Amino acid sequence: MQDYKPHFQKVQRHAYRKVILFAVIAIIATAVIFQFESSETPITTEPAKTPFVIQKLKIPGTDSKTPDSTPAVKTEAPLQITEYESVAASRPEPQNTNVIDIAEPDKAEPPETLSAAATIVASAPVTDTPTMTATWETRVIKSGDSLANIFKEWKLSPTTLHKIVTSSKLAKTLADIHPGETLKLMRDDDDSLLELMVVRNPTETLLITKTDKGFESEKIIREVEVRHAYASGTIETSLFIDGQNSGLTDAQIMEMAGIFGWDIDFALELRKGDSFKLLYEEHFLDGKKYRNGPILTAEFHNNQKTFKAVRYTTPDNITSYYDPDDGRNKKRAFIRTPVKFARISSRFTNKRFHPKLKKWRAHRGVDYAAPTGTPIKAAGKGKVTFRGKKGGYGKTVMIQHGTKYTTLYAHLSKYSKNSRKGKTVSQGQVIGYVGKTGLATGPHLHYEFRVNGVHRNPLTVKLPKADPISKKYRQDFNAKSTELIATFKRFAGNEQQIAKTEDTPKDG
């Protein structure tokens, strides 16, 4: 027995050491836990999974001086989608109303029952706001693209597309996409469509949003800054060259020609020394010029005559150009020239030597030489009474304008879909294209104008005047046109003053 006593005493000493060691560890652990629970260092945790995901919540510690207060925890920042804001700045930023509270423990509960992590309770209702990780998928529309193919590429079902385009009249326009426009898609956590954007241009965006009730559509328009600009020029070479030299674009030159196209035949009556002045809009986005706006008022001096026009929009949103002096619409029942800027190769005459038939005969119309394929426009509103081949005329279209007037267009290379027999066409609508069918030596349009069945010279026939502006709009028209003319004259006066200053000889 004595042999085991030293061994037993040795084991007993080891046991005492372990007990003491465990006691020390327990004391240290208790101190650490107490220090952890009483620390004012913020705790970072995550809430239980809910349909609305909030990441990286910051929970500030409690103030030791006010132990009864319940601290509130807010998300770091509202959800912001930079791509969306850069395209559609007019859409309000989403407001985050979710406030997270830390549940305060019962004061009667023993301290040791407190857990190291606080319990998070969402006090605000769950919203449909996208998660912080949502991103836009972008697709630029190319020629040949269709919405169905793009949805297939994005792995979105045809059913989803059908639900969207049938959800509203505005959503139906989604299917009308054009090359250069941009499609943007945002998905939810289930990879389903959450939002869809069609960026038509820098100022117009169509937004489709998925909701509990289906899909909602919104048209977002960015307002542009409108400024006035002025241009003037004198005809020395041609309308296009001299217009470009004055700083106008080709589109603006065509717009000006369209305004005065009922007063001036630009293919025949333009003279060297003629001049023009015009006031127009310039549109700016973010301080930079985005595009040219419409012509507001203009003057064209042609062959010692002055023609004027001002742009006016009626209260019921109908826009046209009017003569500021008598209020008559510049747009008349007929345009002088159905082909833009063509050269007259043969005039109206009772006796002309026919280049094909080699004999003298009457030429009851005007021939406009132009390249094959040049668009031919209806001279006025009317009904197509004939379309087909007509002897020496070749491919021909005839239009009846009311009961009094008839126009004929011959030697066409092909017809447009607008010129089917029995169809009503509007003034300026393309009805066919220049060619040389029938008895023609080269591509040109043969144009005839008949009054009560009698051929008249299209270049000199007296065309019916346009109706003046309605009496109920006359006061509003006078006020707005007077303001535009005053602005126009101010710009013109400044130009003259600058020119006078530049022409003044400098001393020395």
Protein backbone atom coordinates (compact mmCIF):
# COMPACT_ATOMS: atom_id res chain seq x y z
CA MET A 1 0.00 0.00 0.00
CA GLN A 2 2.91 2.26 0.77
CA ASP A 3 4.17 1.73 -2.79
CA TYR A 4 0.99 3.39 -4.24
CA LYS A 5 0.90 6.36 -1.80
CA PRO A 6 3.50 8.53 -3.57
CA HIS A 7 1.79 7.82 -6.89
CA PHE A 8 -1.63 8.72 -5.49
CA GLN A 9 -0.31 11.95 -4.02
CA LYS A 10 1.21 12.82 -7.41
CA VAL A 11 -2.12 12.23 -9.19
CA GLN A 12 -3.92 14.27 -6.54
CA ARG A 13 -1.58 17.22 -7.12
CA HIS A 14 -2.24 17.06 -10.88
CA ALA A 15 -6.00 17.08 -10.28
CA TYR A 16 -5.76 20.14 -8.03
CA ARG A 17 -3.74 21.92 -10.74
CA LYS A 18 -6.40 21.12 -13.38
CA VAL A 19 -9.18 22.39 -11.12
CA ILE A 20 -7.29 25.61 -10.50
CA LEU A 21 -6.58 25.97 -14.25
CA PHE A 22 -10.24 25.46 -15.17
CA ALA A 23 -11.26 27.98 -12.54
CA VAL A 24 -8.88 30.58 -13.94
CA ILE A 25 -10.16 29.92 -17.49
CA ALA A 26 -13.74 30.29 -16.31
CA ILE A 27 -12.94 33.59 -14.58
CA ILE A 28 -11.20 34.91 -17.73
CA ALA A 29 -14.06 33.76 -19.97
CA THR A 30 -16.61 35.43 -17.70
CA ALA A 31 -14.65 38.66 -17.79
CA VAL A 32 -14.38 38.55 -21.58
CA ILE A 33 -18.09 37.91 -22.03
CA PHE A 34 -18.95 40.70 -19.59
CA GLN A 35 -16.57 43.05 -21.39
CA PHE A 36 -18.08 42.06 -24.79
CA GLU A 37 -21.66 42.64 -23.66
CA SER A 38 -20.95 45.98 -22.02
CA SER A 39 -18.72 47.30 -24.84
CA GLU A 40 -19.86 50.33 -26.85
CA THR A 41 -18.26 49.03 -30.06
CA PRO A 42 -20.89 48.68 -32.88
CA ILE A 43 -21.93 45.15 -33.81
CA THR A 44 -22.24 44.13 -37.45
CA THR A 45 -24.79 41.49 -38.20
CA GLU A 46 -27.31 40.49 -40.84
CA PRO A 47 -31.08 40.12 -40.47
CA ALA A 48 -32.95 36.93 -41.19
CA LYS A 49 -33.69 36.36 -44.85
CA THR A 50 -36.72 38.28 -46.05
CA PRO A 51 -37.99 39.23 -49.54
CA PHE A 52 -36.20 42.55 -49.08
CA VAL A 53 -32.42 42.05 -48.66
CA ILE A 54 -30.52 44.57 -46.55
CA GLN A 55 -26.79 44.17 -46.35
CA LYS A 56 -24.15 45.53 -43.99
CA LEU A 57 -26.39 47.00 -41.28
CA LYS A 58 -24.54 49.10 -38.73
CA ILE A 59 -25.83 48.82 -35.14
CA PRO A 60 -24.50 51.59 -32.90
CA GLY A 61 -24.01 50.80 -29.23
CA THR A 62 -26.22 52.11 -26.46
CA ASP A 63 -25.38 55.19 -24.44
CA SER A 64 -24.44 54.27 -20.88
CA LYS A 65 -26.09 57.45 -19.64
CA THR A 66 -29.44 56.58 -21.18
CA PRO A 67 -29.84 52.82 -20.77
CA ASP A 68 -33.59 52.88 -21.44
CA SER A 69 -33.35 54.31 -24.98
CA THR A 70 -33.75 51.97 -27.94
CA PRO A 71 -31.23 52.72 -30.70
CA ALA A 72 -32.49 52.72 -34.31
CA VAL A 73 -30.50 51.24 -37.14
CA LYS A 74 -30.83 52.51 -40.74
CA THR A 75 -29.47 51.17 -44.00
CA GLU A 76 -26.26 52.77 -45.22
CA ALA A 77 -27.76 54.55 -48.25
CA PRO A 78 -30.84 54.47 -50.52
CA LEU A 79 -30.57 52.18 -53.52
CA GLN A 80 -29.09 54.10 -56.46
CA ILE A 81 -28.71 52.81 -60.00
CA THR A 82 -26.25 55.07 -61.74
CA GLU A 83 -27.04 53.83 -65.27
CA TYR A 84 -30.71 54.56 -64.81
CA GLU A 85 -30.15 58.06 -63.48
CA SER A 86 -27.84 58.94 -66.31
CA VAL A 87 -30.52 58.05 -68.87
CA ALA A 88 -33.72 59.13 -67.17
CA ALA A 89 -32.83 61.87 -64.75
CA SER A 90 -36.45 62.94 -64.27
CA ARG A 91 -37.36 59.76 -62.38
CA PRO A 92 -37.36 60.41 -58.59
CA GLU A 93 -34.79 58.53 -56.54
CA PRO A 94 -36.24 55.64 -54.54
CA GLN A 95 -36.71 56.52 -50.88
CA ASN A 96 -35.68 53.86 -48.35
CA THR A 97 -38.19 53.84 -45.49
CA ASN A 98 -36.97 50.66 -43.82
CA VAL A 99 -35.92 51.32 -40.20
CA ILE A 100 -34.49 48.44 -38.17
CA ASP A 101 -34.87 48.36 -34.36
CA ILE A 102 -32.96 46.31 -31.78
CA ALA A 103 -35.36 44.61 -29.36
CA GLU A 104 -34.56 45.70 -25.80
CA PRO A 105 -34.40 42.77 -23.28
CA ASP A 106 -36.70 42.58 -20.30
CA LYS A 107 -35.01 44.29 -17.34
CA ALA A 108 -36.10 41.49 -15.00
CA GLU A 109 -34.35 38.88 -17.13
CA PRO A 110 -30.97 37.75 -15.72
CA PRO A 111 -27.96 39.16 -17.55
CA GLU A 112 -26.61 35.69 -18.35
CA THR A 113 -29.59 35.02 -20.66
CA LEU A 114 -28.48 37.79 -23.07
CA SER A 115 -27.03 36.48 -26.34
CA ALA A 116 -23.96 37.98 -27.91
CA ALA A 117 -25.87 38.94 -31.07
CA ALA A 118 -28.89 41.23 -30.83
CA THR A 119 -32.25 40.21 -32.31
CA ILE A 120 -33.17 42.30 -35.38
CA VAL A 121 -36.81 43.18 -36.01
CA ALA A 122 -37.95 44.98 -39.21
CA SER A 123 -40.43 47.67 -38.27
CA ALA A 124 -41.18 48.92 -41.79
CA PRO A 125 -43.19 47.07 -44.46
CA VAL A 126 -41.31 45.13 -47.11
CA THR A 127 -41.17 46.96 -50.46
CA ASP A 128 -40.49 45.92 -54.04
CA THR A 129 -37.24 47.91 -54.16
CA PRO A 130 -34.49 45.97 -55.99
CA THR A 131 -31.64 44.48 -53.98
CA MET A 132 -28.34 46.27 -53.62
CA THR A 133 -26.71 43.77 -55.99
CA ALA A 134 -29.08 44.45 -58.93
CA THR A 135 -27.43 45.54 -62.18
CA TRP A 136 -28.63 46.50 -65.65
CA GLU A 137 -28.12 44.29 -68.69
CA THR A 138 -27.74 46.50 -71.76
CA ARG A 139 -28.46 45.75 -75.42
CA VAL A 140 -28.14 48.26 -78.30
CA ILE A 141 -30.74 47.65 -81.02
CA LYS A 142 -29.27 46.73 -84.40
CA SER A 143 -30.81 46.46 -87.85
CA GLY A 144 -32.83 43.23 -88.09
CA ASP A 145 -33.38 42.90 -84.34
CA SER A 146 -36.82 42.03 -82.98
CA LEU A 147 -38.14 42.15 -79.45
CA ALA A 148 -38.95 38.43 -79.59
CA ASN A 149 -35.37 37.53 -80.50
CA ILE A 150 -33.92 39.76 -77.81
CA PHE A 151 -36.19 38.22 -75.16
CA LYS A 152 -35.08 34.78 -76.34
CA GLU A 153 -31.46 35.89 -76.09
CA TRP A 154 -32.14 37.07 -72.53
CA LYS A 155 -33.87 33.73 -71.75
CA LEU A 156 -37.19 35.46 -71.07
CA SER A 157 -40.33 33.60 -72.10
CA PRO A 158 -42.69 34.69 -74.91
CA THR A 159 -45.43 34.69 -72.25
CA THR A 160 -43.61 37.44 -70.36
CA LEU A 161 -43.30 39.50 -73.53
CA HIS A 162 -46.99 39.04 -74.30
CA LYS A 163 -47.98 40.10 -70.77
CA ILE A 164 -45.88 43.24 -71.07
CA VAL A 165 -47.06 44.48 -74.48
CA THR A 166 -50.72 43.79 -73.63
CA SER A 167 -50.56 45.45 -70.20
CA SER A 168 -51.29 48.97 -71.52
CA LYS A 169 -51.43 51.14 -74.63
CA LEU A 170 -48.10 52.71 -73.68
CA ALA A 171 -46.47 49.30 -73.14
CA LYS A 172 -47.59 48.25 -76.62
CA THR A 173 -45.17 50.82 -78.08
CA LEU A 174 -42.35 48.70 -76.65
CA ALA A 175 -42.56 46.52 -79.76
CA ASP A 176 -41.74 49.54 -81.95
CA ILE A 177 -37.96 49.48 -81.59
CA HIS A 178 -35.44 51.07 -83.94
CA PRO A 179 -31.70 50.65 -84.58
CA GLY A 180 -29.63 52.81 -82.27
CA GLU A 181 -32.07 52.63 -79.36
CA THR A 182 -31.00 50.89 -76.14
CA LEU A 183 -32.77 48.16 -74.16
CA LYS A 184 -31.93 47.75 -70.47
CA LEU A 185 -33.04 44.85 -68.28
CA MET A 186 -32.94 44.37 -64.51
CA ARG A 187 -33.68 40.96 -62.96
CA ASP A 188 -34.78 39.97 -59.45
CA ASP A 189 -33.21 37.25 -57.27
CA ASP A 190 -35.19 34.59 -59.16
CA ASP A 191 -33.70 35.78 -62.49
CA SER A 192 -37.13 37.07 -63.54
CA LEU A 193 -37.71 40.44 -65.20
CA LEU A 194 -37.96 43.24 -62.66
CA GLU A 195 -37.60 46.37 -64.81
CA LEU A 196 -37.19 47.00 -68.53
CA MET A 197 -36.12 50.26 -70.14
CA VAL A 198 -36.18 51.40 -73.76
CA VAL A 199 -33.98 54.46 -74.19
CA ARG A 200 -35.40 56.03 -77.35
CA ASN A 201 -33.00 58.98 -77.27
CA PRO A 202 -31.28 61.11 -74.62
CA THR A 203 -34.58 62.83 -73.77
CA GLU A 204 -37.14 59.99 -73.96
CA THR A 205 -37.25 56.67 -72.09
CA LEU A 206 -39.98 54.03 -71.73
CA LEU A 207 -39.88 52.23 -68.36
CA ILE A 208 -41.70 48.95 -67.68
CA THR A 209 -41.85 47.84 -64.01
CA LYS A 210 -43.07 44.53 -62.62
CA THR A 211 -45.52 44.88 -59.72
CA ASP A 212 -47.80 42.62 -57.70
CA LYS A 213 -50.61 43.50 -60.14
CA GLY A 214 -48.63 42.84 -63.33
CA PHE A 215 -46.64 45.42 -65.30
CA GLU A 216 -46.79 49.21 -65.12
CA SER A 217 -45.54 51.57 -67.84
CA GLU A 218 -44.10 55.06 -67.57
CA LYS A 219 -42.80 57.49 -70.18
CA ILE A 220 -39.90 59.53 -68.84
CA ILE A 221 -39.07 62.80 -70.59
CA ARG A 222 -36.00 64.88 -69.87
CA GLU A 223 -36.59 68.59 -70.35
CA VAL A 224 -34.18 70.34 -72.69
CA GLU A 225 -32.91 73.89 -72.37
CA VAL A 226 -34.22 75.91 -75.33
CA ARG A 227 -32.16 78.73 -76.79
CA HIS A 228 -32.73 80.91 -79.84
CA ALA A 229 -30.33 81.03 -82.79
CA TYR A 230 -30.27 83.10 -85.98
CA ALA A 231 -28.92 82.51 -89.48
CA SER A 232 -28.96 84.43 -92.74
CA GLY A 233 -27.47 84.08 -96.19
CA THR A 234 -27.48 85.22 -99.80
CA ILE A 235 -27.84 82.94 -102.80
CA GLU A 236 -24.66 82.93 -104.86
CA THR A 237 -24.40 79.30 -105.97
CA SER A 238 -27.35 77.19 -104.78
CA LEU A 239 -29.73 76.96 -101.85
CA PHE A 240 -27.84 74.02 -100.35
CA ILE A 241 -24.32 75.40 -100.70
CA ASP A 242 -25.20 78.90 -99.52
CA GLY A 243 -27.40 77.51 -96.76
CA GLN A 244 -24.52 75.38 -95.49
CA ASN A 245 -22.19 78.38 -95.68
CA SER A 246 -24.57 80.25 -93.36
CA GLY A 247 -24.31 77.47 -90.77
CA LEU A 248 -27.51 75.57 -91.55
CA THR A 249 -27.73 71.79 -91.72
CA ASP A 250 -29.21 69.98 -94.73
CA ALA A 251 -32.29 69.18 -92.64
CA GLN A 252 -32.80 72.87 -91.82
CA ILE A 253 -32.40 73.84 -95.48
CA MET A 254 -35.05 71.28 -96.44
CA GLU A 255 -37.29 72.57 -93.65
CA MET A 256 -36.98 76.14 -94.92
CA ALA A 257 -37.68 75.03 -98.50
CA GLY A 258 -40.74 73.17 -97.24
CA ILE A 259 -42.09 76.27 -95.48
CA PHE A 260 -41.84 78.44 -98.60
CA GLY A 261 -42.46 75.65 -101.11
CA TRP A 262 -45.97 76.93 -101.85
CA ASP A 263 -44.66 80.44 -102.66
CA ILE A 264 -41.41 79.63 -104.46
CA ASP A 265 -40.50 76.93 -106.95
CA PHE A 266 -36.92 76.34 -105.80
CA ALA A 267 -36.15 74.34 -108.94
CA LEU A 268 -37.17 77.18 -111.27
CA GLU A 269 -37.54 80.53 -109.55
CA LEU A 270 -34.42 80.79 -107.38
CA ARG A 271 -32.24 83.74 -108.42
CA LYS A 272 -28.71 84.84 -107.62
CA GLY A 273 -28.99 87.60 -105.03
CA ASP A 274 -32.02 86.08 -103.29
CA SER A 275 -31.61 86.00 -99.53
CA PHE A 276 -33.02 84.40 -96.41
CA LYS A 277 -33.16 85.01 -92.67
CA LEU A 278 -34.47 82.68 -90.01
CA LEU A 279 -34.82 82.30 -86.25
CA TYR A 280 -34.75 78.75 -84.89
CA GLU A 281 -34.44 76.80 -81.66
CA GLU A 282 -31.36 75.04 -80.31
CA HIS A 283 -31.84 72.36 -77.63
CA PHE A 284 -29.27 71.77 -74.89
CA LEU A 285 -28.78 68.94 -72.38
CA ASP A 286 -26.44 69.37 -69.41
CA GLY A 287 -25.09 72.57 -70.94
CA LYS A 288 -24.17 70.94 -74.26
CA LYS A 289 -26.00 71.33 -77.57
CA TYR A 290 -28.06 68.23 -78.25
CA ARG A 291 -29.93 69.08 -81.46
CA ASN A 292 -31.55 71.82 -83.54
CA GLY A 293 -35.17 72.63 -82.85
CA PRO A 294 -37.78 73.89 -85.33
CA ILE A 295 -37.64 77.10 -87.35
CA LEU A 296 -39.70 79.70 -85.47
CA THR A 297 -39.89 82.51 -88.00
CA ALA A 298 -38.31 83.14 -91.40
CA GLU A 299 -38.11 85.51 -94.35
CA PHE A 300 -37.17 84.68 -97.93
CA HIS A 301 -36.49 87.45 -100.47
CA ASN A 302 -37.04 86.06 -103.97
CA ASN A 303 -37.20 88.00 -107.24
CA GLN A 304 -37.92 91.31 -105.43
CA LYS A 305 -40.69 89.73 -103.34
CA THR A 306 -40.56 89.04 -99.61
CA PHE A 307 -42.25 85.98 -98.14
CA LYS A 308 -42.67 85.63 -94.37
CA ALA A 309 -43.64 82.78 -92.06
CA VAL A 310 -44.10 82.23 -88.32
CA ARG A 311 -44.60 78.94 -86.52
CA TYR A 312 -47.77 78.70 -84.42
CA THR A 313 -49.34 75.89 -82.40
CA THR A 314 -53.06 76.17 -81.68
CA PRO A 315 -54.44 75.50 -78.18
CA ASP A 316 -55.64 72.12 -79.49
CA ASN A 317 -52.01 71.28 -80.42
CA ILE A 318 -52.03 71.70 -84.22
CA THR A 319 -48.80 73.23 -85.52
CA SER A 320 -48.29 74.96 -88.86
CA TYR A 321 -46.65 78.01 -90.45
CA TYR A 322 -48.61 81.18 -91.15
CA ASP A 323 -48.10 84.54 -92.82
CA PRO A 324 -47.74 87.00 -89.92
CA ASP A 325 -49.42 89.78 -91.90
CA ASP A 326 -52.71 88.15 -92.90
CA GLY A 327 -52.69 84.96 -90.79
CA ARG A 328 -53.01 82.66 -93.80
CA ASN A 329 -51.59 79.15 -93.61
CA LYS A 330 -48.42 78.81 -95.69
CA LYS A 331 -49.49 75.29 -96.58
CA ARG A 332 -51.82 75.51 -99.57
CA ALA A 333 -53.97 72.95 -101.31
CA PHE A 334 -51.16 72.14 -103.80
CA ILE A 335 -47.39 72.24 -103.84
CA ARG A 336 -45.73 73.65 -106.93
CA THR A 337 -43.11 70.94 -107.38
CA PRO A 338 -43.75 67.25 -106.64
CA VAL A 339 -40.01 66.44 -106.89
CA LYS A 340 -37.52 68.21 -104.63
CA PHE A 341 -34.85 70.34 -106.34
CA ALA A 342 -35.19 68.70 -109.74
CA ARG A 343 -34.14 70.38 -112.97
CA ILE A 344 -36.82 71.34 -115.48
CA SER A 345 -35.94 69.62 -118.74
CA SER A 346 -39.09 70.49 -120.71
CA ARG A 347 -41.80 73.09 -120.14
CA PHE A 348 -45.52 73.30 -120.85
CA THR A 349 -46.09 74.22 -124.52
CA ASN A 350 -48.57 73.72 -127.33
CA LYS A 351 -45.84 72.72 -129.78
CA ARG A 352 -42.71 70.70 -128.98
CA PHE A 353 -40.53 68.38 -131.05
CA HIS A 354 -40.81 64.97 -129.42
CA PRO A 355 -37.33 63.40 -129.04
CA LYS A 356 -38.67 59.85 -129.37
CA LEU A 357 -41.42 60.26 -131.98
CA LYS A 358 -39.38 62.77 -134.02
CA LYS A 359 -42.37 65.00 -134.68
CA TRP A 360 -44.00 68.15 -133.37
CA ARG A 361 -46.77 67.81 -130.82
CA ALA A 362 -48.16 69.58 -127.74
CA HIS A 363 -46.48 69.04 -124.37
CA ARG A 364 -49.22 69.39 -121.77
CA GLY A 365 -47.06 69.22 -118.69
CA VAL A 366 -43.67 69.92 -117.14
CA ASP A 367 -40.75 67.48 -117.15
CA TYR A 368 -38.49 67.36 -114.07
CA ALA A 369 -35.17 65.61 -114.70
CA ALA A 370 -33.97 63.70 -111.63
CA PRO A 371 -32.02 60.51 -110.86
CA THR A 372 -33.88 57.21 -111.09
CA GLY A 373 -35.48 56.39 -107.75
CA THR A 374 -36.03 60.00 -106.63
CA PRO A 375 -39.25 60.12 -104.55
CA ILE A 376 -42.33 61.69 -106.16
CA LYS A 377 -44.83 63.35 -103.83
CA ALA A 378 -48.56 63.92 -104.22
CA ALA A 379 -49.14 67.60 -105.03
CA GLY A 380 -52.23 67.68 -102.85
CA LYS A 381 -54.63 65.58 -100.85
CA GLY A 382 -56.81 63.38 -103.02
CA LYS A 383 -57.89 59.94 -104.17
CA VAL A 384 -55.86 57.73 -106.52
CA THR A 385 -58.05 57.09 -109.58
CA PHE A 386 -55.50 55.32 -111.78
CA ARG A 387 -52.28 53.35 -111.33
CA GLY A 388 -50.75 51.37 -114.16
CA LYS A 389 -49.19 51.61 -117.61
CA LYS A 390 -50.69 54.30 -119.85
CA GLY A 391 -49.28 54.22 -123.40
CA GLY A 392 -46.31 56.55 -123.89
CA TYR A 393 -46.61 57.71 -120.28
CA GLY A 394 -45.31 54.36 -119.06
CA LYS A 395 -46.02 53.69 -115.39
CA THR A 396 -48.50 56.39 -114.34
CA VAL A 397 -50.43 57.58 -111.28
CA MET A 398 -53.46 59.91 -111.45
CA ILE A 399 -55.01 61.65 -108.42
CA GLN A 400 -58.39 63.39 -108.18
CA HIS A 401 -58.43 66.38 -105.80
CA GLY A 402 -62.05 67.13 -104.98
CA THR A 403 -64.26 67.71 -108.02
CA LYS A 404 -62.19 70.37 -109.78
CA TYR A 405 -58.53 69.38 -109.90
CA THR A 406 -56.59 66.37 -111.26
CA THR A 407 -52.84 65.68 -111.28
CA LEU A 408 -50.88 63.12 -113.34
CA TYR A 409 -47.40 61.64 -112.69
CA ALA A 410 -45.76 59.65 -115.54
CA HIS A 411 -42.62 57.65 -116.50
CA LEU A 412 -42.29 56.19 -112.98
CA SER A 413 -39.75 53.46 -112.30
CA LYS A 414 -41.97 51.95 -109.60
CA TYR A 415 -44.98 52.74 -107.41
CA SER A 416 -45.13 53.19 -103.66
CA LYS A 417 -47.54 51.19 -101.54
CA ASN A 418 -49.43 54.44 -100.86
CA SER A 419 -50.58 54.82 -104.47
CA ARG A 420 -52.96 51.87 -104.85
CA LYS A 421 -56.10 52.69 -106.82
CA GLY A 422 -58.92 53.93 -104.59
CA LYS A 423 -56.61 54.94 -101.75
CA THR A 424 -56.64 58.46 -100.30
CA VAL A 425 -53.24 60.16 -100.15
CA SER A 426 -52.19 63.25 -98.24
CA GLN A 427 -50.23 66.17 -99.60
CA GLY A 428 -46.52 65.39 -99.75
CA GLN A 429 -47.00 61.64 -99.42
CA VAL A 430 -44.68 59.58 -101.65
CA ILE A 431 -46.65 57.91 -104.45
CA GLY A 432 -43.82 56.62 -106.66
CA TYR A 433 -40.26 57.06 -107.89
CA VAL A 434 -38.65 58.73 -110.90
CA GLY A 435 -37.91 56.49 -113.87
CA LYS A 436 -37.94 56.40 -117.68
CA THR A 437 -40.75 53.98 -118.56
CA GLY A 438 -42.79 54.66 -121.70
CA LEU A 439 -41.57 57.14 -124.32
CA ALA A 440 -38.72 58.69 -122.33
CA THR A 441 -35.09 59.29 -123.29
CA GLY A 442 -33.87 59.60 -119.69
CA PRO A 443 -35.12 59.47 -116.10
CA HIS A 444 -37.57 62.26 -115.33
CA LEU A 445 -41.07 62.99 -114.02
CA HIS A 446 -43.73 64.19 -116.44
CA TYR A 447 -46.22 66.20 -114.32
CA GLU A 448 -49.62 67.44 -115.46
CA PHE A 449 -52.16 69.70 -113.73
CA ARG A 450 -55.77 69.79 -114.92
CA VAL A 451 -58.62 72.11 -113.91
CA ASN A 452 -62.06 70.73 -114.77
CA GLY A 453 -60.35 68.35 -117.20
CA VAL A 454 -58.43 71.11 -119.03
CA HIS A 455 -54.60 71.03 -119.02
CA ARG A 456 -52.99 74.03 -117.29
CA ASN A 457 -49.37 75.03 -116.92
CA PRO A 458 -48.33 73.68 -113.48
CA LEU A 459 -45.78 76.49 -113.14
CA THR A 460 -48.20 79.37 -113.66
CA VAL A 461 -51.67 78.08 -112.79
CA LYS A 462 -53.28 80.08 -110.00
CA LEU A 463 -53.54 77.76 -107.03
CA PRO A 464 -56.30 78.15 -104.44
CA LYS A 465 -55.27 80.13 -101.37
CA ALA A 466 -55.08 78.56 -97.97
CA ASP A 467 -57.63 79.41 -95.32
CA PRO A 468 -56.65 82.00 -92.70
CA ILE A 469 -56.22 81.03 -89.08
CA SER A 470 -59.47 80.50 -87.17
CA LYS A 471 -60.97 83.61 -85.58
CA LYS A 472 -61.03 81.97 -82.15
CA TYR A 473 -57.23 81.64 -82.28
CA ARG A 474 -56.43 84.97 -83.94
CA GLN A 475 -55.81 86.95 -80.74
CA ASP A 476 -53.47 84.27 -79.36
CA PHE A 477 -51.74 84.02 -82.74
CA ASN A 478 -51.20 87.79 -82.95
CA ALA A 479 -49.68 87.93 -79.47
CA LYS A 480 -47.28 85.03 -80.01
CA SER A 481 -46.29 85.97 -83.55
CA THR A 482 -45.60 89.56 -82.47
CA GLU A 483 -43.25 88.27 -79.77
CA LEU A 484 -41.43 86.01 -82.25
CA ILE A 485 -41.07 88.78 -84.83
CA ALA A 486 -39.63 91.09 -82.16
CA THR A 487 -37.01 88.47 -81.24
CA PHE A 488 -36.28 87.90 -84.93
CA LYS A 489 -35.75 91.63 -85.53
CA ARG A 490 -33.51 91.92 -82.48
CA PHE A 491 -31.22 89.19 -83.81
CA ALA A 492 -31.27 90.72 -87.31
CA GLY A 493 -30.44 94.15 -85.85
CA ASN A 494 -27.53 92.72 -83.88
CA GLU A 495 -26.23 91.07 -87.05
CA GLN A 496 -26.39 94.36 -88.95
CA GLN A 497 -24.61 96.16 -86.13
CA ILE A 498 -21.84 93.56 -86.10
CA ALA A 499 -21.49 93.78 -89.89
CA LYS A 500 -21.35 97.58 -89.69
CA THR A 501 -18.66 97.41 -87.02
CA GLU A 502 -16.60 94.96 -89.08
CA ASP A 503 -16.85 97.22 -92.15
CA THR A 504 -15.71 100.32 -90.25
CA PRO A 505 -12.05 101.16 -91.09
CA LYS A 506 -9.70 100.98 -88.14
CA ASP A 507 -7.30 103.82 -87.38
CA GLY A 508 -3.63 103.20 -87.86
